[in-house]
């Protein structure tokens, strides 16, 4: 998903929505299939995540700060996002018996929320502003990975409910840390101005 985001951020600077979305989706499937061909251990997955996030965050950092134009919400924004998620679930469930567990697992983690954000925002606010929105999600994706790592490590020794609760705590704490970090950054910019 970090590579997916990187591709859309770069493409959205000068390309329209169709090329940005198509490029990002193609990159996601290519990377997903390449990653499936590796025999992973927990340590190598953590190392790969750290490396990919480090590279993608570094490459997209300069795109994070763009003046966001006023956005007029449309009545169909949330229903479109919900419909896209429901369609993804329907496709995954419908195809799972035909494509096997590997492809089912791949489709289940497709970044549908990012795709819906691109489809909704790029026509309204343009590529650079949409790219800034996606670029600002990168650190949140790091927290999501930490949440998944917590589930992997905690569910077996602690049980399902305790492992899931602990992963929720990790997610909430990560978001509080990000909120505080961004708030301090904004305050520093205000003081400098």
C-alpha atoms as a PDB file:
ATOM      1  CA  UNK A   1       0.000   0.000   0.000  1.00  0.00           C
ATOM      2  CA  UNK A   2       2.944   2.342   0.595  1.00  0.00           C
ATOM      3  CA  UNK A   3       4.137   1.710  -2.979  1.00  0.00           C
ATOM      4  CA  UNK A   4       0.555   2.155  -4.222  1.00  0.00           C
ATOM      5  CA  UNK A   5       0.470   5.522  -2.446  1.00  0.00           C
ATOM      6  CA  UNK A   6       3.895   6.539  -3.763  1.00  0.00           C
ATOM      7  CA  UNK A   7       2.845   5.845  -7.353  1.00  0.00           C
ATOM      8  CA  UNK A   8      -0.409   7.782  -7.087  1.00  0.00           C
ATOM      9  CA  UNK A   9       1.340  10.711  -5.380  1.00  0.00           C
ATOM     10  CA  UNK A  10       3.903  10.994  -8.170  1.00  0.00           C
ATOM     11  CA  UNK A  11       1.428  10.423 -11.013  1.00  0.00           C
ATOM     12  CA  UNK A  12      -1.196  12.800  -9.607  1.00  0.00           C
ATOM     13  CA  UNK A  13       1.200  15.740  -9.874  1.00  0.00           C
ATOM     14  CA  UNK A  14       0.755  15.914 -13.650  1.00  0.00           C
ATOM     15  CA  UNK A  15      -1.707  13.205 -14.666  1.00  0.00           C
ATOM     16  CA  UNK A  16      -5.446  12.864 -14.507  1.00  0.00           C
ATOM     17  CA  UNK A  17      -7.397  10.590 -12.243  1.00  0.00           C
ATOM     18  CA  UNK A  18      -7.622   7.648 -14.664  1.00  0.00           C
ATOM     19  CA  UNK A  19      -3.852   7.420 -15.194  1.00  0.00           C
ATOM     20  CA  UNK A  20      -3.116   8.001 -11.496  1.00  0.00           C
ATOM     21  CA  UNK A  21      -5.522   5.301 -10.335  1.00  0.00           C
ATOM     22  CA  UNK A  22      -4.578   2.841 -13.086  1.00  0.00           C
ATOM     23  CA  UNK A  23      -0.865   3.276 -12.404  1.00  0.00           C
ATOM     24  CA  UNK A  24      -1.298   2.853  -8.665  1.00  0.00           C
ATOM     25  CA  UNK A  25      -3.511  -0.232  -9.023  1.00  0.00           C
ATOM     26  CA  UNK A  26      -1.064  -1.818 -11.488  1.00  0.00           C
ATOM     27  CA  UNK A  27       1.860  -1.073  -9.151  1.00  0.00           C
ATOM     28  CA  UNK A  28      -0.036  -2.560  -6.204  1.00  0.00           C
ATOM     29  CA  UNK A  29      -0.763  -5.826  -8.013  1.00  0.00           C
ATOM     30  CA  UNK A  30       2.810  -6.104  -9.334  1.00  0.00           C
ATOM     31  CA  UNK A  31       4.314  -5.522  -5.876  1.00  0.00           C
ATOM     32  CA  UNK A  32       1.738  -7.804  -4.215  1.00  0.00           C
ATOM     33  CA  UNK A  33       2.549 -10.662  -6.594  1.00  0.00           C
ATOM     34  CA  UNK A  34       6.293 -10.107  -6.228  1.00  0.00           C
ATOM     35  CA  UNK A  35       6.002 -10.112  -2.441  1.00  0.00           C
ATOM     36  CA  UNK A  36       4.003 -13.363  -2.578  1.00  0.00           C
ATOM     37  CA  UNK A  37       6.930 -15.065  -4.315  1.00  0.00           C
ATOM     38  CA  UNK A  38       9.208 -14.600  -1.274  1.00  0.00           C
ATOM     39  CA  UNK A  39       9.360 -16.989   1.681  1.00  0.00           C
ATOM     40  CA  UNK A  40       8.769 -14.606   4.577  1.00  0.00           C
ATOM     41  CA  UNK A  41       9.532 -14.852   8.253  1.00  0.00           C
ATOM     42  CA  UNK A  42       8.241 -12.404  10.819  1.00  0.00           C
ATOM     43  CA  UNK A  43      11.650 -10.696  11.002  1.00  0.00           C
ATOM     44  CA  UNK A  44      11.944 -10.326   7.222  1.00  0.00           C
ATOM     45  CA  UNK A  45       8.398  -8.946   6.994  1.00  0.00           C
ATOM     46  CA  UNK A  46       9.202  -6.341   9.664  1.00  0.00           C
ATOM     47  CA  UNK A  47      12.469  -5.446   7.904  1.00  0.00           C
ATOM     48  CA  UNK A  48      10.739  -5.159   4.517  1.00  0.00           C
ATOM     49  CA  UNK A  49       7.990  -2.977   6.004  1.00  0.00           C
ATOM     50  CA  UNK A  50      10.511  -0.684   7.680  1.00  0.00           C
ATOM     51  CA  UNK A  51      12.525  -0.393   4.466  1.00  0.00           C
ATOM     52  CA  UNK A  52       9.503   0.216   2.228  1.00  0.00           C
ATOM     53  CA  UNK A  53       7.917   2.733   4.570  1.00  0.00           C
ATOM     54  CA  UNK A  54      11.241   4.482   5.086  1.00  0.00           C
ATOM     55  CA  UNK A  55      11.794   4.842   1.345  1.00  0.00           C
ATOM     56  CA  UNK A  56       8.193   5.765   0.489  1.00  0.00           C
ATOM     57  CA  UNK A  57       7.853   8.306   3.314  1.00  0.00           C
ATOM     58  CA  UNK A  58      11.164   9.924   2.388  1.00  0.00           C
ATOM     59  CA  UNK A  59      10.177  10.147  -1.287  1.00  0.00           C
ATOM     60  CA  UNK A  60       6.699  11.546  -0.601  1.00  0.00           C
ATOM     61  CA  UNK A  61       7.477  13.939   2.244  1.00  0.00           C
ATOM     62  CA  UNK A  62       7.843  16.937  -0.083  1.00  0.00           C
ATOM     63  CA  UNK A  63       4.315  16.398  -1.422  1.00  0.00           C
ATOM     64  CA  UNK A  64       2.610  16.560   1.999  1.00  0.00           C
ATOM     65  CA  UNK A  65       2.219  20.331   2.246  1.00  0.00           C
ATOM     66  CA  UNK A  66      -0.150  21.704  -0.384  1.00  0.00           C
ATOM     67  CA  UNK A  67      -2.798  24.358   0.004  1.00  0.00           C
ATOM     68  CA  UNK A  68      -6.033  22.390   0.126  1.00  0.00           C
ATOM     69  CA  UNK A  69      -8.871  24.059  -1.768  1.00  0.00           C
ATOM     70  CA  UNK A  70     -12.295  24.258  -0.185  1.00  0.00           C
ATOM     71  CA  UNK A  71     -14.078  20.954  -0.564  1.00  0.00           C
ATOM     72  CA  UNK A  72     -17.801  20.710  -1.069  1.00  0.00           C
ATOM     73  CA  UNK A  73     -19.080  17.406   0.218  1.00  0.00           C
ATOM     74  CA  UNK A  74     -21.501  15.627  -2.009  1.00  0.00           C
ATOM     75  CA  UNK A  75     -24.370  13.578  -0.635  1.00  0.00           C
ATOM     76  CA  UNK A  76     -23.016  10.467  -2.328  1.00  0.00           C
ATOM     77  CA  UNK A  77     -19.422  10.559  -0.965  1.00  0.00           C
ATOM     78  CA  UNK A  78     -19.955   8.158   1.923  1.00  0.00           C
ATOM     79  CA  UNK A  79     -22.374   5.861   0.052  1.00  0.00           C
ATOM     80  CA  UNK A  80     -19.854   5.576  -2.834  1.00  0.00           C
ATOM     81  CA  UNK A  81     -17.066   4.639  -0.419  1.00  0.00           C
ATOM     82  CA  UNK A  82     -19.319   2.124   1.348  1.00  0.00           C
ATOM     83  CA  UNK A  83     -20.402   0.668  -2.004  1.00  0.00           C
ATOM     84  CA  UNK A  84     -16.777   0.275  -3.102  1.00  0.00           C
ATOM     85  CA  UNK A  85     -15.897  -1.558   0.118  1.00  0.00           C
ATOM     86  CA  UNK A  86     -19.010  -3.743  -0.202  1.00  0.00           C
ATOM     87  CA  UNK A  87     -18.086  -4.559  -3.816  1.00  0.00           C
ATOM     88  CA  UNK A  88     -14.558  -5.520  -2.766  1.00  0.00           C
ATOM     89  CA  UNK A  89     -15.969  -7.811  -0.075  1.00  0.00           C
ATOM     90  CA  UNK A  90     -18.404  -9.326  -2.575  1.00  0.00           C
ATOM     91  CA  UNK A  91     -15.618  -9.913  -5.109  1.00  0.00           C
ATOM     92  CA  UNK A  92     -13.326 -11.476  -2.502  1.00  0.00           C
ATOM     93  CA  UNK A  93     -16.062 -13.747  -1.133  1.00  0.00           C
ATOM     94  CA  UNK A  94     -17.417 -14.581  -4.591  1.00  0.00           C
ATOM     95  CA  UNK A  95     -14.031 -15.430  -6.083  1.00  0.00           C
ATOM     96  CA  UNK A  96     -12.506 -17.113  -3.042  1.00  0.00           C
ATOM     97  CA  UNK A  97     -13.770 -20.566  -3.989  1.00  0.00           C
ATOM     98  CA  UNK A  98     -12.391 -20.208  -7.512  1.00  0.00           C
ATOM     99  CA  UNK A  99      -9.049 -18.448  -7.056  1.00  0.00           C
ATOM    100  CA  UNK A 100      -7.743 -20.107  -3.918  1.00  0.00           C
ATOM    101  CA  UNK A 101      -6.458 -18.762  -0.625  1.00  0.00           C
ATOM    102  CA  UNK A 102      -3.435 -16.881  -2.021  1.00  0.00           C
ATOM    103  CA  UNK A 103      -5.428 -14.705  -4.404  1.00  0.00           C
ATOM    104  CA  UNK A 104      -8.221 -14.322  -1.841  1.00  0.00           C
ATOM    105  CA  UNK A 105      -5.732 -13.057   0.726  1.00  0.00           C
ATOM    106  CA  UNK A 106      -4.280 -10.644  -1.809  1.00  0.00           C
ATOM    107  CA  UNK A 107      -7.649  -9.219  -2.782  1.00  0.00           C
ATOM    108  CA  UNK A 108      -8.729  -8.933   0.857  1.00  0.00           C
ATOM    109  CA  UNK A 109      -5.956  -6.405   1.579  1.00  0.00           C
ATOM    110  CA  UNK A 110      -6.419  -4.304  -1.556  1.00  0.00           C
ATOM    111  CA  UNK A 111      -6.305  -0.587  -0.567  1.00  0.00           C
ATOM    112  CA  UNK A 112      -9.928   0.203  -1.376  1.00  0.00           C
ATOM    113  CA  UNK A 113     -10.069   3.201   0.968  1.00  0.00           C
ATOM    114  CA  UNK A 114      -7.119   4.857  -0.791  1.00  0.00           C
ATOM    115  CA  UNK A 115      -8.694   4.125  -4.168  1.00  0.00           C
ATOM    116  CA  UNK A 116     -11.995   5.669  -3.102  1.00  0.00           C
ATOM    117  CA  UNK A 117     -10.191   8.763  -1.787  1.00  0.00           C
ATOM    118  CA  UNK A 118      -8.456   9.193  -5.136  1.00  0.00           C
ATOM    119  CA  UNK A 119     -11.675   8.727  -7.096  1.00  0.00           C
ATOM    120  CA  UNK A 120     -13.570  11.217  -4.950  1.00  0.00           C
ATOM    121  CA  UNK A 121     -10.919  13.891  -4.389  1.00  0.00           C
ATOM    122  CA  UNK A 122      -8.842  14.141  -7.565  1.00  0.00           C
ATOM    123  CA  UNK A 123     -11.693  15.373  -9.784  1.00  0.00           C
ATOM    124  CA  UNK A 124     -12.674  17.925  -7.110  1.00  0.00           C
ATOM    125  CA  UNK A 125      -9.394  19.328  -5.793  1.00  0.00           C
ATOM    126  CA  UNK A 126      -6.857  18.269  -8.418  1.00  0.00           C
ATOM    127  CA  UNK A 127      -3.857  15.997  -8.409  1.00  0.00           C
ATOM    128  CA  UNK A 128      -1.423  17.825  -6.096  1.00  0.00           C
ATOM    129  CA  UNK A 129      -3.996  18.277  -3.316  1.00  0.00           C
ATOM    130  CA  UNK A 130      -5.098  14.640  -3.632  1.00  0.00           C
ATOM    131  CA  UNK A 131      -1.441  13.583  -3.582  1.00  0.00           C
ATOM    132  CA  UNK A 132      -0.946  15.594  -0.367  1.00  0.00           C
ATOM    133  CA  UNK A 133      -3.923  13.832   1.193  1.00  0.00           C
ATOM    134  CA  UNK A 134      -2.495  10.419   0.286  1.00  0.00           C
ATOM    135  CA  UNK A 135       1.039  11.439   1.346  1.00  0.00           C
ATOM    136  CA  UNK A 136      -0.296  12.381   4.768  1.00  0.00           C
ATOM    137  CA  UNK A 137      -1.683   8.869   5.217  1.00  0.00           C
ATOM    138  CA  UNK A 138       1.767   7.231   5.053  1.00  0.00           C
ATOM    139  CA  UNK A 139       2.518   7.514   8.776  1.00  0.00           C
ATOM    140  CA  UNK A 140      -0.948   6.130   9.523  1.00  0.00           C
ATOM    141  CA  UNK A 141      -0.092   3.091   7.406  1.00  0.00           C
ATOM    142  CA  UNK A 142       2.950   2.517   9.614  1.00  0.00           C
ATOM    143  CA  UNK A 143       0.596   2.370  12.609  1.00  0.00           C
ATOM    144  CA  UNK A 144      -1.702  -0.009  10.746  1.00  0.00           C
ATOM    145  CA  UNK A 145       1.271  -2.308  10.131  1.00  0.00           C
ATOM    146  CA  UNK A 146       2.164  -2.131  13.828  1.00  0.00           C
ATOM    147  CA  UNK A 147      -1.432  -3.070  14.619  1.00  0.00           C
ATOM    148  CA  UNK A 148      -1.233  -6.111  12.320  1.00  0.00           C
ATOM    149  CA  UNK A 149       2.129  -7.124  13.796  1.00  0.00           C
ATOM    150  CA  UNK A 150       0.539  -6.915  17.244  1.00  0.00           C
ATOM    151  CA  UNK A 151      -2.289  -9.219  16.161  1.00  0.00           C
ATOM    152  CA  UNK A 152       0.260 -11.684  14.789  1.00  0.00           C
ATOM    153  CA  UNK A 153       2.315 -11.689  17.981  1.00  0.00           C
ATOM    154  CA  UNK A 154      -0.443 -11.422  20.592  1.00  0.00           C
ATOM    155  CA  UNK A 155      -3.414 -13.547  19.520  1.00  0.00           C
ATOM    156  CA  UNK A 156      -1.881 -16.983  20.092  1.00  0.00           C
ATOM    157  CA  UNK A 157      -0.344 -16.351  23.542  1.00  0.00           C
ATOM    158  CA  UNK A 158      -3.078 -14.022  24.850  1.00  0.00           C
ATOM    159  CA  UNK A 159      -6.172 -15.290  23.058  1.00  0.00           C
ATOM    160  CA  UNK A 160      -8.260 -13.711  20.321  1.00  0.00           C
ATOM    161  CA  UNK A 161     -10.009 -11.008  22.346  1.00  0.00           C
ATOM    162  CA  UNK A 162      -6.952  -9.912  24.311  1.00  0.00           C
ATOM    163  CA  UNK A 163      -4.778  -9.937  21.173  1.00  0.00           C
ATOM    164  CA  UNK A 164      -7.305  -7.886  19.217  1.00  0.00           C
ATOM    165  CA  UNK A 165      -7.771  -5.487  22.145  1.00  0.00           C
ATOM    166  CA  UNK A 166      -4.013  -5.004  22.397  1.00  0.00           C
ATOM    167  CA  UNK A 167      -3.790  -4.308  18.663  1.00  0.00           C
ATOM    168  CA  UNK A 168      -6.553  -1.721  19.066  1.00  0.00           C
ATOM    169  CA  UNK A 169      -4.560  -0.094  21.879  1.00  0.00           C
ATOM    170  CA  UNK A 170      -1.490   0.007  19.609  1.00  0.00           C
ATOM    171  CA  UNK A 171      -3.552   1.657  16.880  1.00  0.00           C
ATOM    172  CA  UNK A 172      -5.071   4.257  19.222  1.00  0.00           C
ATOM    173  CA  UNK A 173      -1.731   5.087  20.863  1.00  0.00           C
ATOM    174  CA  UNK A 174      -0.060   5.426  17.447  1.00  0.00           C
ATOM    175  CA  UNK A 175      -2.751   7.854  16.299  1.00  0.00           C
ATOM    176  CA  UNK A 176      -2.457   9.901  19.491  1.00  0.00           C
ATOM    177  CA  UNK A 177       1.316  10.095  18.966  1.00  0.00           C
ATOM    178  CA  UNK A 178       0.800  11.218  15.347  1.00  0.00           C
ATOM    179  CA  UNK A 179      -1.738  13.821  16.437  1.00  0.00           C
ATOM    180  CA  UNK A 180       0.668  15.235  19.012  1.00  0.00           C
ATOM    181  CA  UNK A 181       3.565  15.167  16.563  1.00  0.00           C
ATOM    182  CA  UNK A 182       1.618  17.050  13.870  1.00  0.00           C
ATOM    183  CA  UNK A 183       0.196  19.510  16.371  1.00  0.00           C
ATOM    184  CA  UNK A 184       3.711  20.411  17.576  1.00  0.00           C
ATOM    185  CA  UNK A 185       4.883  20.773  13.966  1.00  0.00           C
ATOM    186  CA  UNK A 186       2.038  23.206  13.240  1.00  0.00           C
ATOM    187  CA  UNK A 187       2.805  25.193  16.396  1.00  0.00           C
ATOM    188  CA  UNK A 188       6.482  25.448  15.407  1.00  0.00           C
ATOM    189  CA  UNK A 189       5.500  26.739  11.956  1.00  0.00           C
ATOM    190  CA  UNK A 190       3.219  29.345  13.552  1.00  0.00           C
ATOM    191  CA  UNK A 191       5.976  30.495  15.911  1.00  0.00           C
ATOM    192  CA  UNK A 192       8.457  30.811  13.010  1.00  0.00           C
ATOM    193  CA  UNK A 193       6.028  32.919  10.971  1.00  0.00           C
END
